[in-house]
């Protein structure tokens, strides 16, 4: 069973690194001039719409992503057999990261389209919220109520 936990941990770490890598590459592409930035700067109506969407996504999805994971842990994952619990934990960890990636990537793109810092701040909040999701072996064992010493 220890191998399955390590395999799950390796997969989660890879996804977490990808979560951070995608927005960083997005920023690098815009900052190096590969993509045009500020193409909608000055379009007041579009800026307002994009800011509103970005803010609503940020204040809606960040707490939802963090809360839905805990709700699923308490509701049923802990009561599953270990193999099903690990699979469900993996699924809901992926859902949580995806829900955090949506406001991060969209807000960074909104920032570079309009050059309005609201998108930058909202994207940064989504990236910082992911720091509450850093995968580790002790975290998996703690969240699934597994004993620290698993020898199987």
N, C-alpha and C. Protein backbone atom coordinates (compact mmCIF):
# COMPACT_ATOMS: atom_id res chain seq x y z
N UNK A 1 0.82 -1.19 0.00
CA UNK A 1 0.00 0.00 0.00
C UNK A 1 0.87 1.26 0.00
N UNK A 2 2.05 1.13 0.59
CA UNK A 2 2.94 2.28 0.64
C UNK A 2 3.33 2.73 -0.77
N UNK A 3 3.49 1.76 -1.69
CA UNK A 3 3.83 2.10 -3.07
C UNK A 3 2.70 2.87 -3.74
N UNK A 4 1.47 2.50 -3.44
CA UNK A 4 0.33 3.20 -4.03
C UNK A 4 0.25 4.64 -3.53
N UNK A 5 0.55 4.84 -2.28
CA UNK A 5 0.56 6.20 -1.73
C UNK A 5 1.69 7.01 -2.36
N UNK A 6 2.85 6.40 -2.52
CA UNK A 6 3.97 7.10 -3.15
C UNK A 6 3.67 7.42 -4.61
N UNK A 7 3.00 6.51 -5.31
CA UNK A 7 2.61 6.74 -6.70
C UNK A 7 1.61 7.90 -6.78
N UNK A 8 0.64 7.90 -5.87
CA UNK A 8 -0.33 8.99 -5.82
C UNK A 8 0.36 10.31 -5.52
N UNK A 9 1.29 10.28 -4.59
CA UNK A 9 2.01 11.49 -4.21
C UNK A 9 2.83 12.02 -5.39
N UNK A 10 3.48 11.14 -6.12
CA UNK A 10 4.27 11.54 -7.28
C UNK A 10 3.37 12.18 -8.34
N UNK A 11 2.21 11.58 -8.58
CA UNK A 11 1.26 12.14 -9.55
C UNK A 11 0.77 13.51 -9.10
N UNK A 12 0.45 13.64 -7.81
CA UNK A 12 -0.04 14.92 -7.30
C UNK A 12 1.04 16.00 -7.36
N UNK A 13 2.27 15.63 -7.06
CA UNK A 13 3.36 16.61 -7.15
C UNK A 13 3.56 17.08 -8.59
N UNK A 14 3.47 16.15 -9.53
CA UNK A 14 3.59 16.51 -10.94
C UNK A 14 2.49 17.46 -11.38
N UNK A 15 1.28 17.20 -10.95
CA UNK A 15 0.16 18.08 -11.30
C UNK A 15 0.30 19.45 -10.64
N UNK A 16 0.82 19.46 -9.42
CA UNK A 16 1.01 20.73 -8.72
C UNK A 16 2.09 21.56 -9.42
N UNK A 17 3.15 20.90 -9.86
CA UNK A 17 4.21 21.61 -10.59
C UNK A 17 3.66 22.13 -11.92
N UNK A 18 2.83 21.33 -12.59
CA UNK A 18 2.21 21.78 -13.84
C UNK A 18 1.29 22.97 -13.58
N UNK A 19 0.59 22.95 -12.46
CA UNK A 19 -0.29 24.07 -12.10
C UNK A 19 0.50 25.37 -12.02
N UNK A 20 1.69 25.31 -11.46
CA UNK A 20 2.52 26.51 -11.35
C UNK A 20 3.26 26.82 -12.64
N UNK A 21 3.58 25.81 -13.43
CA UNK A 21 4.36 26.02 -14.64
C UNK A 21 3.53 26.67 -15.74
N UNK A 22 2.30 26.28 -15.89
CA UNK A 22 1.47 26.82 -16.97
C UNK A 22 1.30 28.34 -16.87
N UNK A 23 0.89 28.89 -15.73
CA UNK A 23 0.80 30.36 -15.66
C UNK A 23 2.15 31.06 -15.80
N UNK A 24 3.22 30.44 -15.31
CA UNK A 24 4.54 31.05 -15.44
C UNK A 24 4.93 31.15 -16.92
N UNK A 25 4.68 30.08 -17.69
CA UNK A 25 4.96 30.13 -19.12
C UNK A 25 4.07 31.15 -19.82
N UNK A 26 2.85 31.24 -19.37
CA UNK A 26 1.92 32.22 -19.91
C UNK A 26 2.49 33.63 -19.72
N UNK A 27 2.97 33.92 -18.53
CA UNK A 27 3.56 35.23 -18.23
C UNK A 27 4.83 35.45 -19.06
N UNK A 28 5.65 34.42 -19.17
CA UNK A 28 6.90 34.54 -19.94
C UNK A 28 6.58 34.86 -21.41
N UNK A 29 5.59 34.21 -21.98
CA UNK A 29 5.23 34.47 -23.37
C UNK A 29 4.81 35.92 -23.59
N UNK A 30 4.04 36.46 -22.66
CA UNK A 30 3.61 37.84 -22.80
C UNK A 30 4.75 38.82 -22.52
N UNK A 31 5.54 38.55 -21.51
CA UNK A 31 6.61 39.48 -21.14
C UNK A 31 7.74 39.52 -22.16
N UNK A 32 7.96 38.43 -22.89
CA UNK A 32 9.02 38.41 -23.89
C UNK A 32 8.55 38.94 -25.24
N UNK A 33 7.26 39.24 -25.37
CA UNK A 33 6.75 39.80 -26.62
C UNK A 33 6.28 38.77 -27.62
N UNK A 34 6.28 37.50 -27.27
CA UNK A 34 5.78 36.47 -28.18
C UNK A 34 4.28 36.69 -28.42
N UNK A 35 3.55 37.02 -27.37
CA UNK A 35 2.13 37.36 -27.48
C UNK A 35 1.98 38.87 -27.26
N UNK A 36 1.03 39.45 -27.96
CA UNK A 36 0.79 40.90 -27.82
C UNK A 36 0.06 41.19 -26.53
N UNK A 37 0.57 42.14 -25.76
CA UNK A 37 -0.12 42.51 -24.54
C UNK A 37 -0.75 43.88 -24.69
N UNK A 38 -1.83 44.07 -23.96
CA UNK A 38 -2.52 45.36 -23.96
C UNK A 38 -3.33 45.63 -25.21
N UNK A 39 -3.75 44.60 -25.93
CA UNK A 39 -4.47 44.86 -27.18
C UNK A 39 -5.87 45.42 -26.94
N UNK A 40 -6.40 45.24 -25.74
CA UNK A 40 -7.72 45.80 -25.43
C UNK A 40 -7.63 46.90 -24.36
N UNK A 41 -6.44 47.41 -24.12
CA UNK A 41 -6.27 48.50 -23.15
C UNK A 41 -6.99 49.73 -23.70
N UNK A 42 -7.75 50.37 -22.85
CA UNK A 42 -8.49 51.55 -23.26
C UNK A 42 -9.93 51.27 -23.64
N UNK A 43 -10.29 50.03 -23.87
CA UNK A 43 -11.67 49.67 -24.17
C UNK A 43 -12.37 49.51 -22.82
N UNK A 44 -12.99 50.58 -22.37
CA UNK A 44 -13.54 50.66 -21.02
C UNK A 44 -14.60 49.58 -20.77
N UNK A 45 -15.48 49.36 -21.72
CA UNK A 45 -16.54 48.38 -21.52
C UNK A 45 -15.97 46.97 -21.40
N UNK A 46 -15.05 46.61 -22.26
CA UNK A 46 -14.46 45.28 -22.20
C UNK A 46 -13.64 45.11 -20.92
N UNK A 47 -12.92 46.15 -20.52
CA UNK A 47 -12.16 46.09 -19.27
C UNK A 47 -13.08 45.84 -18.09
N UNK A 48 -14.20 46.54 -18.05
CA UNK A 48 -15.15 46.37 -16.95
C UNK A 48 -15.70 44.95 -16.92
N UNK A 49 -16.06 44.43 -18.08
CA UNK A 49 -16.61 43.07 -18.15
C UNK A 49 -15.57 42.05 -17.71
N UNK A 50 -14.34 42.16 -18.23
CA UNK A 50 -13.29 41.22 -17.88
C UNK A 50 -12.92 41.31 -16.40
N UNK A 51 -12.86 42.52 -15.86
CA UNK A 51 -12.58 42.68 -14.43
C UNK A 51 -13.67 42.05 -13.59
N UNK A 52 -14.91 42.29 -13.97
CA UNK A 52 -16.04 41.73 -13.21
C UNK A 52 -16.02 40.21 -13.24
N UNK A 53 -15.80 39.64 -14.42
CA UNK A 53 -15.74 38.19 -14.55
C UNK A 53 -14.58 37.64 -13.73
N UNK A 54 -13.42 38.28 -13.82
CA UNK A 54 -12.25 37.83 -13.08
C UNK A 54 -12.44 37.88 -11.58
N UNK A 55 -13.02 38.96 -11.10
CA UNK A 55 -13.26 39.09 -9.66
C UNK A 55 -14.28 38.07 -9.19
N UNK A 56 -15.35 37.89 -9.94
CA UNK A 56 -16.38 36.93 -9.55
C UNK A 56 -15.83 35.50 -9.56
N UNK A 57 -15.03 35.17 -10.56
CA UNK A 57 -14.41 33.85 -10.58
C UNK A 57 -13.49 33.65 -9.38
N UNK A 58 -12.74 34.67 -9.06
CA UNK A 58 -11.79 34.57 -7.95
C UNK A 58 -12.51 34.40 -6.62
N UNK A 59 -13.48 35.25 -6.35
CA UNK A 59 -14.15 35.16 -5.05
C UNK A 59 -15.11 33.97 -4.97
N UNK A 60 -15.47 33.41 -6.12
CA UNK A 60 -16.34 32.25 -6.11
C UNK A 60 -15.60 30.92 -6.11
N UNK A 61 -14.61 30.80 -6.98
CA UNK A 61 -13.96 29.51 -7.16
C UNK A 61 -12.89 29.18 -6.12
N UNK A 62 -12.20 30.16 -5.61
CA UNK A 62 -11.15 29.85 -4.63
C UNK A 62 -11.75 29.24 -3.37
N UNK A 63 -12.71 29.88 -2.71
CA UNK A 63 -13.28 29.23 -1.52
C UNK A 63 -14.00 27.93 -1.85
N UNK A 64 -14.68 27.90 -3.00
CA UNK A 64 -15.39 26.69 -3.40
C UNK A 64 -14.41 25.53 -3.59
N UNK A 65 -13.29 25.78 -4.26
CA UNK A 65 -12.31 24.72 -4.51
C UNK A 65 -11.74 24.19 -3.21
N UNK A 66 -11.43 25.07 -2.30
CA UNK A 66 -10.85 24.64 -1.03
C UNK A 66 -11.88 23.94 -0.15
N UNK A 67 -13.11 24.39 -0.21
CA UNK A 67 -14.15 23.83 0.64
C UNK A 67 -14.71 22.51 0.12
N UNK A 68 -14.87 22.39 -1.19
CA UNK A 68 -15.47 21.17 -1.75
C UNK A 68 -14.59 19.97 -1.47
N UNK A 69 -13.28 20.16 -1.44
CA UNK A 69 -12.37 19.06 -1.16
C UNK A 69 -12.58 18.56 0.26
N UNK A 70 -12.65 19.47 1.23
CA UNK A 70 -12.88 19.06 2.62
C UNK A 70 -14.25 18.43 2.80
N UNK A 71 -15.24 18.94 2.10
CA UNK A 71 -16.59 18.39 2.18
C UNK A 71 -16.58 16.93 1.71
N UNK A 72 -15.88 16.65 0.62
CA UNK A 72 -15.82 15.28 0.11
C UNK A 72 -15.01 14.38 1.02
N UNK A 73 -13.98 14.91 1.66
CA UNK A 73 -13.22 14.10 2.62
C UNK A 73 -14.10 13.67 3.78
N UNK A 74 -14.81 14.63 4.35
CA UNK A 74 -15.65 14.35 5.51
C UNK A 74 -16.84 13.49 5.12
N UNK A 75 -17.41 13.77 3.95
CA UNK A 75 -18.64 13.09 3.54
C UNK A 75 -18.44 11.61 3.23
N UNK A 76 -17.31 11.25 2.59
CA UNK A 76 -17.26 9.85 2.21
C UNK A 76 -15.92 9.25 1.91
N UNK A 77 -14.96 10.04 1.48
CA UNK A 77 -13.69 9.44 1.04
C UNK A 77 -13.05 8.65 2.17
N UNK A 78 -13.11 9.15 3.37
CA UNK A 78 -12.48 8.47 4.51
C UNK A 78 -13.14 7.13 4.83
N UNK A 79 -14.38 6.95 4.41
CA UNK A 79 -15.10 5.73 4.72
C UNK A 79 -14.95 4.66 3.63
N UNK A 80 -14.32 5.02 2.51
CA UNK A 80 -14.11 4.06 1.42
C UNK A 80 -13.00 3.09 1.78
N UNK A 81 -12.97 1.94 1.09
CA UNK A 81 -11.78 1.09 1.20
C UNK A 81 -10.57 1.86 0.68
N UNK A 82 -9.39 1.47 1.11
CA UNK A 82 -8.19 2.28 0.86
C UNK A 82 -7.94 2.54 -0.62
N UNK A 83 -8.08 1.55 -1.46
CA UNK A 83 -7.81 1.77 -2.89
C UNK A 83 -8.79 2.75 -3.49
N UNK A 84 -10.06 2.62 -3.15
CA UNK A 84 -11.06 3.56 -3.67
C UNK A 84 -10.87 4.94 -3.06
N UNK A 85 -10.45 4.99 -1.80
CA UNK A 85 -10.19 6.27 -1.15
C UNK A 85 -9.05 7.00 -1.84
N UNK A 86 -7.99 6.28 -2.19
CA UNK A 86 -6.86 6.91 -2.88
C UNK A 86 -7.27 7.41 -4.26
N UNK A 87 -8.08 6.63 -4.98
CA UNK A 87 -8.54 7.06 -6.30
C UNK A 87 -9.44 8.29 -6.19
N UNK A 88 -10.31 8.29 -5.21
CA UNK A 88 -11.20 9.42 -5.02
C UNK A 88 -10.42 10.65 -4.56
N UNK A 89 -9.45 10.45 -3.70
CA UNK A 89 -8.59 11.55 -3.25
C UNK A 89 -7.87 12.18 -4.44
N UNK A 90 -7.37 11.32 -5.34
CA UNK A 90 -6.68 11.80 -6.54
C UNK A 90 -7.63 12.62 -7.41
N UNK A 91 -8.84 12.11 -7.62
CA UNK A 91 -9.82 12.80 -8.44
C UNK A 91 -10.15 14.17 -7.86
N UNK A 92 -10.46 14.22 -6.56
CA UNK A 92 -10.86 15.49 -5.97
C UNK A 92 -9.70 16.46 -5.82
N UNK A 93 -8.48 15.95 -5.72
CA UNK A 93 -7.32 16.84 -5.74
C UNK A 93 -7.17 17.48 -7.12
N UNK A 94 -7.43 16.68 -8.17
CA UNK A 94 -7.38 17.21 -9.53
C UNK A 94 -8.47 18.27 -9.74
N UNK A 95 -9.66 18.00 -9.25
CA UNK A 95 -10.76 18.96 -9.37
C UNK A 95 -10.40 20.25 -8.65
N UNK A 96 -9.84 20.14 -7.47
CA UNK A 96 -9.45 21.32 -6.70
C UNK A 96 -8.42 22.16 -7.45
N UNK A 97 -7.39 21.51 -8.00
CA UNK A 97 -6.37 22.25 -8.75
C UNK A 97 -6.96 22.88 -10.01
N UNK A 98 -7.85 22.16 -10.68
CA UNK A 98 -8.47 22.72 -11.88
C UNK A 98 -9.31 23.95 -11.52
N UNK A 99 -10.07 23.86 -10.43
CA UNK A 99 -10.89 25.00 -10.03
C UNK A 99 -10.04 26.20 -9.62
N UNK A 100 -8.84 25.96 -9.13
CA UNK A 100 -7.93 27.06 -8.82
C UNK A 100 -7.22 27.57 -10.08
N UNK A 101 -7.02 26.70 -11.06
CA UNK A 101 -6.34 27.10 -12.28
C UNK A 101 -7.21 28.01 -13.14
N UNK A 102 -8.51 27.82 -13.10
CA UNK A 102 -9.41 28.63 -13.93
C UNK A 102 -9.26 30.12 -13.62
N UNK A 103 -9.43 30.57 -12.37
CA UNK A 103 -9.25 32.00 -12.14
C UNK A 103 -7.82 32.47 -12.33
N UNK A 104 -6.85 31.62 -12.06
CA UNK A 104 -5.45 32.04 -12.22
C UNK A 104 -5.15 32.34 -13.69
N UNK A 105 -5.43 31.39 -14.56
CA UNK A 105 -5.09 31.57 -15.98
C UNK A 105 -5.95 32.65 -16.62
N UNK A 106 -7.24 32.65 -16.33
CA UNK A 106 -8.11 33.67 -16.93
C UNK A 106 -7.74 35.07 -16.46
N UNK A 107 -7.45 35.22 -15.18
CA UNK A 107 -7.11 36.56 -14.69
C UNK A 107 -5.78 37.05 -15.22
N UNK A 108 -4.80 36.15 -15.36
CA UNK A 108 -3.55 36.58 -15.98
C UNK A 108 -3.77 36.97 -17.44
N UNK A 109 -4.63 36.23 -18.14
CA UNK A 109 -4.91 36.61 -19.53
C UNK A 109 -5.68 37.93 -19.58
N UNK A 110 -6.60 38.14 -18.65
CA UNK A 110 -7.32 39.42 -18.60
C UNK A 110 -6.36 40.56 -18.32
N UNK A 111 -5.39 40.33 -17.46
CA UNK A 111 -4.40 41.37 -17.17
C UNK A 111 -3.63 41.74 -18.43
N UNK A 112 -3.15 40.73 -19.15
CA UNK A 112 -2.35 41.02 -20.33
C UNK A 112 -3.17 41.55 -21.50
N UNK A 113 -4.46 41.27 -21.53
CA UNK A 113 -5.31 41.85 -22.57
C UNK A 113 -5.59 43.32 -22.31
N UNK A 114 -5.79 43.67 -21.03
CA UNK A 114 -6.21 45.04 -20.71
C UNK A 114 -5.14 45.85 -19.98
N UNK A 115 -4.10 45.18 -19.49
CA UNK A 115 -3.04 45.81 -18.69
C UNK A 115 -3.61 46.51 -17.45
N UNK A 116 -4.68 45.96 -16.91
CA UNK A 116 -5.28 46.45 -15.69
C UNK A 116 -4.88 45.50 -14.56
N UNK A 117 -4.35 46.03 -13.48
CA UNK A 117 -3.76 45.19 -12.44
C UNK A 117 -4.77 44.37 -11.64
N UNK A 118 -6.04 44.61 -11.82
CA UNK A 118 -7.04 43.80 -11.12
C UNK A 118 -6.88 42.33 -11.48
N UNK A 119 -6.68 42.03 -12.75
CA UNK A 119 -6.47 40.66 -13.18
C UNK A 119 -5.20 40.06 -12.61
N UNK A 120 -4.17 40.88 -12.50
CA UNK A 120 -2.91 40.40 -11.93
C UNK A 120 -3.09 40.02 -10.46
N UNK A 121 -3.77 40.86 -9.71
CA UNK A 121 -3.99 40.58 -8.29
C UNK A 121 -4.88 39.35 -8.08
N UNK A 122 -5.93 39.24 -8.87
CA UNK A 122 -6.82 38.08 -8.74
C UNK A 122 -6.11 36.79 -9.14
N UNK A 123 -5.30 36.84 -10.19
CA UNK A 123 -4.53 35.68 -10.59
C UNK A 123 -3.52 35.28 -9.52
N UNK A 124 -2.90 36.28 -8.91
CA UNK A 124 -1.94 36.00 -7.84
C UNK A 124 -2.64 35.38 -6.63
N UNK A 125 -3.86 35.81 -6.34
CA UNK A 125 -4.61 35.21 -5.22
C UNK A 125 -4.89 33.74 -5.49
N UNK A 126 -5.25 33.40 -6.73
CA UNK A 126 -5.51 32.01 -7.06
C UNK A 126 -4.23 31.17 -6.96
N UNK A 127 -3.11 31.75 -7.37
CA UNK A 127 -1.84 31.03 -7.26
C UNK A 127 -1.47 30.84 -5.79
N UNK A 128 -1.66 31.86 -4.99
CA UNK A 128 -1.33 31.75 -3.56
C UNK A 128 -2.26 30.77 -2.84
N UNK A 129 -3.51 30.70 -3.28
CA UNK A 129 -4.45 29.75 -2.66
C UNK A 129 -3.99 28.32 -2.87
N UNK A 130 -3.27 28.07 -3.94
CA UNK A 130 -2.79 26.71 -4.20
C UNK A 130 -1.75 26.27 -3.18
N UNK A 131 -1.15 27.21 -2.48
CA UNK A 131 -0.17 26.84 -1.46
C UNK A 131 -0.83 26.10 -0.29
N UNK A 132 -2.14 26.17 -0.19
CA UNK A 132 -2.87 25.38 0.80
C UNK A 132 -3.07 23.94 0.33
N UNK A 133 -2.63 23.64 -0.88
CA UNK A 133 -2.85 22.32 -1.48
C UNK A 133 -1.55 21.59 -1.80
N UNK A 134 -0.45 22.00 -1.24
CA UNK A 134 0.84 21.37 -1.55
C UNK A 134 0.78 19.91 -1.14
N UNK A 135 1.02 19.00 -2.09
CA UNK A 135 0.92 17.57 -1.76
C UNK A 135 2.13 17.07 -0.97
N UNK A 136 1.86 16.24 0.02
CA UNK A 136 2.93 15.57 0.77
C UNK A 136 2.36 14.25 1.30
N UNK A 137 3.27 13.35 1.63
CA UNK A 137 2.83 12.04 2.12
C UNK A 137 2.10 12.18 3.45
N UNK A 138 2.61 13.02 4.33
CA UNK A 138 1.94 13.19 5.62
C UNK A 138 0.58 13.84 5.45
N UNK A 139 0.44 14.72 4.47
CA UNK A 139 -0.86 15.35 4.22
C UNK A 139 -1.88 14.31 3.73
N UNK A 140 -1.46 13.44 2.82
CA UNK A 140 -2.37 12.40 2.32
C UNK A 140 -2.80 11.50 3.46
N UNK A 141 -1.85 11.06 4.27
CA UNK A 141 -2.18 10.18 5.39
C UNK A 141 -3.07 10.89 6.41
N UNK A 142 -2.81 12.15 6.65
CA UNK A 142 -3.61 12.91 7.61
C UNK A 142 -5.03 13.12 7.09
N UNK A 143 -5.17 13.49 5.82
CA UNK A 143 -6.50 13.76 5.29
C UNK A 143 -7.33 12.50 5.11
N UNK A 144 -6.68 11.36 4.91
CA UNK A 144 -7.41 10.10 4.78
C UNK A 144 -7.47 9.32 6.09
N UNK A 145 -6.96 9.91 7.16
CA UNK A 145 -6.91 9.26 8.48
C UNK A 145 -6.21 7.92 8.44
N UNK A 146 -5.09 7.87 7.74
CA UNK A 146 -4.29 6.65 7.65
C UNK A 146 -3.23 6.68 8.76
N UNK A 147 -2.83 5.51 9.26
CA UNK A 147 -1.76 5.52 10.24
C UNK A 147 -0.44 5.94 9.59
N UNK A 148 0.42 6.56 10.37
CA UNK A 148 1.71 7.04 9.85
C UNK A 148 2.58 5.89 9.36
N UNK A 149 2.48 4.75 9.98
CA UNK A 149 3.31 3.59 9.62
C UNK A 149 2.47 2.62 8.79
N UNK A 150 2.61 2.68 7.47
CA UNK A 150 1.93 1.71 6.60
C UNK A 150 3.01 0.85 5.99
N UNK A 151 2.98 -0.45 6.32
CA UNK A 151 4.04 -1.35 5.88
C UNK A 151 3.64 -2.22 4.70
N UNK A 152 2.38 -2.27 4.35
CA UNK A 152 1.92 -3.16 3.29
C UNK A 152 2.41 -2.70 1.93
